[in-house]
Amino acid sequence: MSEEKVLRILVGKAGLDGHDRGAKIIARALRDAGFEVIYTGLHQTPDMIAEAAVQEDVDAIGLSILSGAHMTLFPAVMKALKARGAEDVSVFGGGIVPQDDIVALKQAGVKEIFTPGVSTQAIVEWIHKNVQPREGVA
């Protein structure tokens, strides 16, 4: 009898990276696929992204990082989520990330990294298969 919960996904741009076209395309594709999407806009700190994720009760965060600071910013977002008791928020991302760094980021808890050329449909399908609604979140 209960209605299936629509996944809420925050799309974030951490750091000083000013390129947000890809993030906006992903946000639109996710919205078109039926997800609820919150886009933080440019120049967000990891703490701002984690706080927005908690305030918006999101199930996942998609980070877009093209600045090369992925090895700093992804772990900082993970740490900020943990500090807020929200380590159950799935974190995935996209950008120009070398394969060795993808391995390290996944070991740090990032669920997936999408590199340039991956279709929006592939990202949507990955979310459907790998992101679950968070327990106890309305």
N, C-alpha and C. Protein backbone atom coordinates (compact mmCIF):
# COMPACT_ATOMS: atom_id res chain seq x y z
N MET A 1 0.81 -1.20 0.00
CA MET A 1 0.00 0.00 0.00
C MET A 1 0.85 1.27 0.00
N SER A 2 2.10 1.13 0.47
CA SER A 2 2.93 2.33 0.54
C SER A 2 3.49 2.67 -0.84
N GLU A 3 3.56 3.95 -1.08
CA GLU A 3 4.07 4.46 -2.34
C GLU A 3 5.59 4.41 -2.33
N GLU A 4 6.19 4.04 -3.45
CA GLU A 4 7.64 4.00 -3.51
C GLU A 4 8.20 5.42 -3.41
N LYS A 5 9.20 5.58 -2.56
CA LYS A 5 9.81 6.89 -2.35
C LYS A 5 10.63 7.31 -3.56
N VAL A 6 10.44 8.54 -3.98
CA VAL A 6 11.25 9.10 -5.06
C VAL A 6 12.61 9.48 -4.48
N LEU A 7 13.67 9.02 -5.12
CA LEU A 7 15.00 9.35 -4.63
C LEU A 7 15.28 10.84 -4.77
N ARG A 8 15.89 11.40 -3.73
CA ARG A 8 16.30 12.81 -3.73
C ARG A 8 17.81 12.85 -3.90
N ILE A 9 18.26 13.60 -4.91
CA ILE A 9 19.68 13.65 -5.22
C ILE A 9 20.14 15.10 -5.26
N LEU A 10 21.21 15.37 -4.54
CA LEU A 10 21.81 16.69 -4.56
C LEU A 10 22.96 16.66 -5.56
N VAL A 11 22.97 17.60 -6.48
CA VAL A 11 24.07 17.75 -7.43
C VAL A 11 24.89 18.94 -6.95
N GLY A 12 26.16 18.70 -6.67
CA GLY A 12 27.00 19.74 -6.09
C GLY A 12 28.25 20.04 -6.90
N LYS A 13 28.67 21.28 -6.83
CA LYS A 13 29.92 21.76 -7.43
C LYS A 13 30.80 22.27 -6.30
N ALA A 14 31.75 21.44 -5.91
CA ALA A 14 32.62 21.81 -4.79
C ALA A 14 33.85 22.57 -5.28
N GLY A 15 34.31 23.47 -4.45
CA GLY A 15 35.56 24.17 -4.73
C GLY A 15 35.41 25.33 -5.69
N LEU A 16 36.51 25.71 -6.29
CA LEU A 16 36.56 26.92 -7.11
C LEU A 16 36.28 26.68 -8.58
N ASP A 17 36.00 25.43 -8.94
CA ASP A 17 35.70 25.08 -10.32
C ASP A 17 34.47 25.86 -10.79
N GLY A 18 34.62 26.60 -11.85
CA GLY A 18 33.52 27.42 -12.36
C GLY A 18 32.79 26.82 -13.54
N HIS A 19 33.07 25.57 -13.88
CA HIS A 19 32.44 24.93 -15.03
C HIS A 19 31.27 24.09 -14.57
N ASP A 20 30.05 24.54 -14.84
CA ASP A 20 28.89 23.81 -14.34
C ASP A 20 27.95 23.30 -15.42
N ARG A 21 28.36 23.38 -16.67
CA ARG A 21 27.47 22.90 -17.74
C ARG A 21 27.15 21.42 -17.55
N GLY A 22 28.18 20.62 -17.29
CA GLY A 22 27.97 19.18 -17.09
C GLY A 22 27.06 18.90 -15.91
N ALA A 23 27.26 19.61 -14.81
CA ALA A 23 26.43 19.41 -13.62
C ALA A 23 24.98 19.74 -13.93
N LYS A 24 24.75 20.80 -14.69
CA LYS A 24 23.38 21.17 -15.06
C LYS A 24 22.75 20.14 -15.99
N ILE A 25 23.54 19.60 -16.90
CA ILE A 25 23.03 18.55 -17.79
C ILE A 25 22.65 17.32 -16.98
N ILE A 26 23.50 16.93 -16.05
CA ILE A 26 23.20 15.77 -15.20
C ILE A 26 21.97 16.03 -14.35
N ALA A 27 21.90 17.21 -13.75
CA ALA A 27 20.73 17.55 -12.92
C ALA A 27 19.45 17.45 -13.74
N ARG A 28 19.47 17.96 -14.94
CA ARG A 28 18.28 17.91 -15.81
C ARG A 28 17.94 16.47 -16.19
N ALA A 29 18.96 15.68 -16.53
CA ALA A 29 18.72 14.28 -16.89
C ALA A 29 18.13 13.49 -15.72
N LEU A 30 18.64 13.75 -14.52
CA LEU A 30 18.11 13.06 -13.34
C LEU A 30 16.67 13.49 -13.07
N ARG A 31 16.40 14.76 -13.21
CA ARG A 31 15.04 15.28 -13.03
C ARG A 31 14.10 14.64 -14.06
N ASP A 32 14.56 14.59 -15.31
CA ASP A 32 13.75 13.99 -16.38
C ASP A 32 13.50 12.50 -16.13
N ALA A 33 14.41 11.84 -15.42
CA ALA A 33 14.27 10.42 -15.10
C ALA A 33 13.36 10.18 -13.89
N GLY A 34 12.86 11.26 -13.29
CA GLY A 34 11.91 11.12 -12.19
C GLY A 34 12.47 11.31 -10.80
N PHE A 35 13.75 11.63 -10.68
CA PHE A 35 14.33 11.88 -9.37
C PHE A 35 14.03 13.32 -8.95
N GLU A 36 14.00 13.55 -7.64
CA GLU A 36 13.97 14.92 -7.13
C GLU A 36 15.41 15.39 -7.07
N VAL A 37 15.68 16.56 -7.63
CA VAL A 37 17.05 17.04 -7.74
C VAL A 37 17.18 18.41 -7.10
N ILE A 38 18.22 18.56 -6.32
CA ILE A 38 18.59 19.85 -5.73
C ILE A 38 19.97 20.17 -6.27
N TYR A 39 20.11 21.33 -6.91
CA TYR A 39 21.41 21.75 -7.43
C TYR A 39 21.93 22.88 -6.56
N THR A 40 23.15 22.73 -6.04
CA THR A 40 23.69 23.70 -5.09
C THR A 40 24.24 24.96 -5.74
N GLY A 41 24.56 24.88 -7.03
CA GLY A 41 25.22 26.02 -7.66
C GLY A 41 26.72 25.92 -7.49
N LEU A 42 27.40 26.91 -8.02
CA LEU A 42 28.86 26.92 -8.04
C LEU A 42 29.49 27.29 -6.69
N HIS A 43 30.76 26.93 -6.56
CA HIS A 43 31.65 27.39 -5.48
C HIS A 43 31.18 27.03 -4.09
N GLN A 44 30.73 25.79 -3.92
CA GLN A 44 30.30 25.31 -2.61
C GLN A 44 31.46 24.65 -1.89
N THR A 45 31.51 24.83 -0.58
CA THR A 45 32.50 24.11 0.22
C THR A 45 31.97 22.71 0.51
N PRO A 46 32.85 21.78 0.85
CA PRO A 46 32.36 20.45 1.25
C PRO A 46 31.36 20.53 2.40
N ASP A 47 31.60 21.41 3.37
CA ASP A 47 30.65 21.56 4.48
C ASP A 47 29.30 22.08 4.00
N MET A 48 29.29 23.00 3.08
CA MET A 48 28.03 23.53 2.55
C MET A 48 27.25 22.43 1.82
N ILE A 49 27.96 21.60 1.07
CA ILE A 49 27.30 20.50 0.35
C ILE A 49 26.73 19.48 1.34
N ALA A 50 27.51 19.10 2.34
CA ALA A 50 27.04 18.15 3.34
C ALA A 50 25.85 18.71 4.12
N GLU A 51 25.92 19.96 4.48
CA GLU A 51 24.81 20.59 5.21
C GLU A 51 23.55 20.63 4.36
N ALA A 52 23.68 20.98 3.09
CA ALA A 52 22.52 20.99 2.20
C ALA A 52 21.95 19.59 2.06
N ALA A 53 22.81 18.58 1.99
CA ALA A 53 22.35 17.20 1.87
C ALA A 53 21.51 16.80 3.10
N VAL A 54 21.97 17.19 4.28
CA VAL A 54 21.23 16.88 5.51
C VAL A 54 19.93 17.66 5.55
N GLN A 55 19.99 18.95 5.26
CA GLN A 55 18.78 19.78 5.30
C GLN A 55 17.72 19.31 4.30
N GLU A 56 18.17 18.84 3.16
CA GLU A 56 17.24 18.41 2.10
C GLU A 56 16.88 16.93 2.17
N ASP A 57 17.41 16.21 3.17
CA ASP A 57 17.13 14.78 3.34
C ASP A 57 17.38 13.99 2.06
N VAL A 58 18.53 14.21 1.43
CA VAL A 58 18.81 13.53 0.17
C VAL A 58 19.28 12.10 0.41
N ASP A 59 19.10 11.30 -0.62
CA ASP A 59 19.56 9.91 -0.58
C ASP A 59 20.96 9.77 -1.17
N ALA A 60 21.32 10.73 -2.03
CA ALA A 60 22.62 10.66 -2.70
C ALA A 60 23.11 12.05 -3.05
N ILE A 61 24.42 12.15 -3.21
CA ILE A 61 25.06 13.38 -3.69
C ILE A 61 25.85 13.02 -4.93
N GLY A 62 25.64 13.79 -5.99
CA GLY A 62 26.46 13.67 -7.19
C GLY A 62 27.36 14.88 -7.27
N LEU A 63 28.65 14.67 -7.15
CA LEU A 63 29.61 15.78 -7.20
C LEU A 63 30.22 15.89 -8.59
N SER A 64 30.30 17.11 -9.06
CA SER A 64 30.97 17.38 -10.33
C SER A 64 32.23 18.16 -10.03
N ILE A 65 33.38 17.57 -10.40
CA ILE A 65 34.65 18.24 -10.13
C ILE A 65 35.54 18.13 -11.36
N LEU A 66 35.83 19.28 -11.94
CA LEU A 66 36.70 19.33 -13.11
C LEU A 66 38.01 20.05 -12.82
N SER A 67 38.18 20.48 -11.58
CA SER A 67 39.33 21.32 -11.22
C SER A 67 40.60 20.54 -10.94
N GLY A 68 40.50 19.22 -10.83
CA GLY A 68 41.65 18.42 -10.45
C GLY A 68 41.80 18.26 -8.95
N ALA A 69 40.87 18.81 -8.18
CA ALA A 69 40.95 18.75 -6.72
C ALA A 69 40.11 17.61 -6.15
N HIS A 70 39.82 16.61 -6.96
CA HIS A 70 38.94 15.52 -6.53
C HIS A 70 39.49 14.75 -5.33
N MET A 71 40.81 14.60 -5.22
CA MET A 71 41.39 13.85 -4.11
C MET A 71 41.31 14.61 -2.79
N THR A 72 41.04 15.89 -2.85
CA THR A 72 40.82 16.71 -1.66
C THR A 72 39.33 16.87 -1.38
N LEU A 73 38.57 17.21 -2.42
CA LEU A 73 37.17 17.58 -2.23
C LEU A 73 36.25 16.40 -1.95
N PHE A 74 36.41 15.29 -2.66
CA PHE A 74 35.56 14.12 -2.39
C PHE A 74 35.73 13.65 -0.93
N PRO A 75 36.96 13.41 -0.47
CA PRO A 75 37.12 12.98 0.93
C PRO A 75 36.59 14.03 1.93
N ALA A 76 36.71 15.30 1.60
CA ALA A 76 36.21 16.34 2.51
C ALA A 76 34.69 16.30 2.61
N VAL A 77 34.02 16.02 1.51
CA VAL A 77 32.56 15.87 1.56
C VAL A 77 32.19 14.64 2.38
N MET A 78 32.91 13.54 2.19
CA MET A 78 32.64 12.32 2.96
C MET A 78 32.81 12.58 4.46
N LYS A 79 33.88 13.29 4.81
CA LYS A 79 34.15 13.62 6.21
C LYS A 79 33.06 14.53 6.78
N ALA A 80 32.62 15.51 5.99
CA ALA A 80 31.57 16.43 6.44
C ALA A 80 30.24 15.70 6.63
N LEU A 81 29.95 14.73 5.77
CA LEU A 81 28.73 13.94 5.95
C LEU A 81 28.81 13.13 7.24
N LYS A 82 29.96 12.49 7.46
CA LYS A 82 30.13 11.68 8.66
C LYS A 82 29.97 12.54 9.92
N ALA A 83 30.52 13.75 9.90
CA ALA A 83 30.41 14.66 11.05
C ALA A 83 28.97 15.01 11.36
N ARG A 84 28.10 14.91 10.37
CA ARG A 84 26.68 15.23 10.54
C ARG A 84 25.83 13.98 10.72
N GLY A 85 26.48 12.83 10.87
CA GLY A 85 25.75 11.58 11.04
C GLY A 85 25.03 11.14 9.78
N ALA A 86 25.52 11.56 8.63
CA ALA A 86 24.85 11.26 7.36
C ALA A 86 25.74 10.44 6.44
N GLU A 87 26.55 9.57 7.02
CA GLU A 87 27.43 8.77 6.17
C GLU A 87 26.67 7.75 5.34
N ASP A 88 25.35 7.62 5.56
CA ASP A 88 24.54 6.72 4.74
C ASP A 88 24.09 7.37 3.43
N VAL A 89 24.44 8.64 3.21
CA VAL A 89 24.17 9.29 1.94
C VAL A 89 25.17 8.75 0.92
N SER A 90 24.67 8.19 -0.17
CA SER A 90 25.56 7.67 -1.22
C SER A 90 26.19 8.84 -1.96
N VAL A 91 27.49 8.75 -2.19
CA VAL A 91 28.20 9.80 -2.92
C VAL A 91 28.77 9.21 -4.20
N PHE A 92 28.43 9.86 -5.32
CA PHE A 92 29.02 9.50 -6.60
C PHE A 92 29.46 10.79 -7.26
N GLY A 93 30.21 10.68 -8.33
CA GLY A 93 30.69 11.92 -8.93
C GLY A 93 31.09 11.74 -10.37
N GLY A 94 31.47 12.86 -10.93
CA GLY A 94 31.91 12.87 -12.30
C GLY A 94 32.94 13.95 -12.52
N GLY A 95 33.73 13.73 -13.55
CA GLY A 95 34.76 14.70 -13.88
C GLY A 95 35.93 14.01 -14.52
N ILE A 96 36.99 14.76 -14.64
CA ILE A 96 38.21 14.23 -15.22
C ILE A 96 39.05 13.67 -14.07
N VAL A 97 38.95 12.37 -13.89
CA VAL A 97 39.59 11.71 -12.76
C VAL A 97 40.41 10.53 -13.29
N PRO A 98 41.72 10.52 -13.04
CA PRO A 98 42.55 9.39 -13.49
C PRO A 98 42.11 8.07 -12.85
N GLN A 99 42.30 6.99 -13.56
CA GLN A 99 41.87 5.66 -13.10
C GLN A 99 42.42 5.32 -11.71
N ASP A 100 43.68 5.61 -11.45
CA ASP A 100 44.27 5.32 -10.13
C ASP A 100 43.54 6.07 -9.02
N ASP A 101 43.14 7.31 -9.32
CA ASP A 101 42.41 8.11 -8.32
C ASP A 101 41.00 7.57 -8.12
N ILE A 102 40.39 7.03 -9.17
CA ILE A 102 39.06 6.43 -9.04
C ILE A 102 39.12 5.28 -8.04
N VAL A 103 40.14 4.45 -8.16
CA VAL A 103 40.31 3.32 -7.23
C VAL A 103 40.43 3.85 -5.79
N ALA A 104 41.25 4.86 -5.59
CA ALA A 104 41.45 5.42 -4.24
C ALA A 104 40.17 6.05 -3.70
N LEU A 105 39.43 6.74 -4.56
CA LEU A 105 38.18 7.37 -4.12
C LEU A 105 37.14 6.32 -3.74
N LYS A 106 37.08 5.25 -4.50
CA LYS A 106 36.14 4.17 -4.15
C LYS A 106 36.53 3.52 -2.82
N GLN A 107 37.84 3.37 -2.59
CA GLN A 107 38.29 2.82 -1.31
C GLN A 107 37.93 3.76 -0.16
N ALA A 108 37.80 5.06 -0.45
CA ALA A 108 37.43 6.05 0.56
C ALA A 108 35.92 6.16 0.76
N GLY A 109 35.15 5.37 -0.02
CA GLY A 109 33.71 5.34 0.18
C GLY A 109 32.87 5.96 -0.91
N VAL A 110 33.50 6.57 -1.91
CA VAL A 110 32.74 7.11 -3.04
C VAL A 110 32.22 5.91 -3.83
N LYS A 111 30.93 5.91 -4.13
CA LYS A 111 30.31 4.73 -4.75
C LYS A 111 30.67 4.55 -6.21
N GLU A 112 30.77 5.65 -6.97
CA GLU A 112 31.08 5.54 -8.39
C GLU A 112 31.61 6.88 -8.90
N ILE A 113 32.46 6.80 -9.91
CA ILE A 113 32.96 7.99 -10.61
C ILE A 113 32.67 7.79 -12.09
N PHE A 114 32.02 8.79 -12.67
CA PHE A 114 31.71 8.78 -14.09
C PHE A 114 32.65 9.76 -14.80
N THR A 115 33.31 9.25 -15.81
CA THR A 115 34.28 10.08 -16.54
C THR A 115 33.63 10.61 -17.82
N PRO A 116 34.27 11.59 -18.46
CA PRO A 116 33.69 12.17 -19.67
C PRO A 116 33.34 11.10 -20.71
N GLY A 117 32.19 11.29 -21.34
CA GLY A 117 31.74 10.36 -22.37
C GLY A 117 30.70 9.37 -21.90
N VAL A 118 30.53 9.24 -20.58
CA VAL A 118 29.50 8.34 -20.06
C VAL A 118 28.14 8.99 -20.33
N SER A 119 27.19 8.20 -20.79
CA SER A 119 25.88 8.76 -21.12
C SER A 119 25.08 9.07 -19.86
N THR A 120 24.19 10.03 -19.97
CA THR A 120 23.31 10.34 -18.84
C THR A 120 22.44 9.13 -18.51
N GLN A 121 22.06 8.37 -19.54
CA GLN A 121 21.25 7.17 -19.30
C GLN A 121 22.00 6.15 -18.45
N ALA A 122 23.30 6.01 -18.68
CA ALA A 122 24.10 5.08 -17.88
C ALA A 122 24.14 5.53 -16.42
N ILE A 123 24.20 6.83 -16.20
CA ILE A 123 24.20 7.36 -14.82
C ILE A 123 22.85 7.09 -14.16
N VAL A 124 21.76 7.35 -14.88
CA VAL A 124 20.42 7.09 -14.37
C VAL A 124 20.26 5.62 -14.01
N GLU A 125 20.70 4.74 -14.90
CA GLU A 125 20.59 3.30 -14.64
C GLU A 125 21.42 2.90 -13.42
N TRP A 126 22.63 3.48 -13.29
CA TRP A 126 23.46 3.16 -12.13
C TRP A 126 22.74 3.58 -10.84
N ILE A 127 22.14 4.75 -10.84
CA ILE A 127 21.42 5.23 -9.64
C ILE A 127 20.27 4.28 -9.31
N HIS A 128 19.49 3.90 -10.32
CA HIS A 128 18.38 2.97 -10.07
C HIS A 128 18.86 1.67 -9.43
N LYS A 129 20.02 1.17 -9.85
CA LYS A 129 20.53 -0.10 -9.35
C LYS A 129 21.26 0.02 -8.01
N ASN A 130 21.83 1.20 -7.71
CA ASN A 130 22.77 1.29 -6.59
C ASN A 130 22.41 2.26 -5.47
N VAL A 131 21.42 3.09 -5.65
CA VAL A 131 21.06 4.04 -4.60
C VAL A 131 19.69 3.65 -4.03
N GLN A 132 19.67 3.49 -2.73
CA GLN A 132 18.45 3.15 -2.02
C GLN A 132 17.98 4.33 -1.18
N PRO A 133 16.67 4.43 -0.94
CA PRO A 133 16.21 5.48 -0.03
C PRO A 133 16.85 5.27 1.35
N ARG A 134 17.21 6.36 1.99
CA ARG A 134 17.82 6.28 3.32
C ARG A 134 16.78 5.87 4.35
N GLU A 135 17.18 5.09 5.30
CA GLU A 135 16.30 4.64 6.38
C GLU A 135 15.91 5.81 7.28
N GLY A 136 14.66 5.87 7.65
CA GLY A 136 14.21 6.86 8.62
C GLY A 136 14.14 8.28 8.11
N VAL A 137 14.30 8.48 6.80
CA VAL A 137 14.22 9.82 6.23
C VAL A 137 12.90 9.91 5.49
N ALA A 138 12.14 10.94 5.83
CA ALA A 138 10.80 11.09 5.23
C ALA A 138 10.88 11.37 3.75
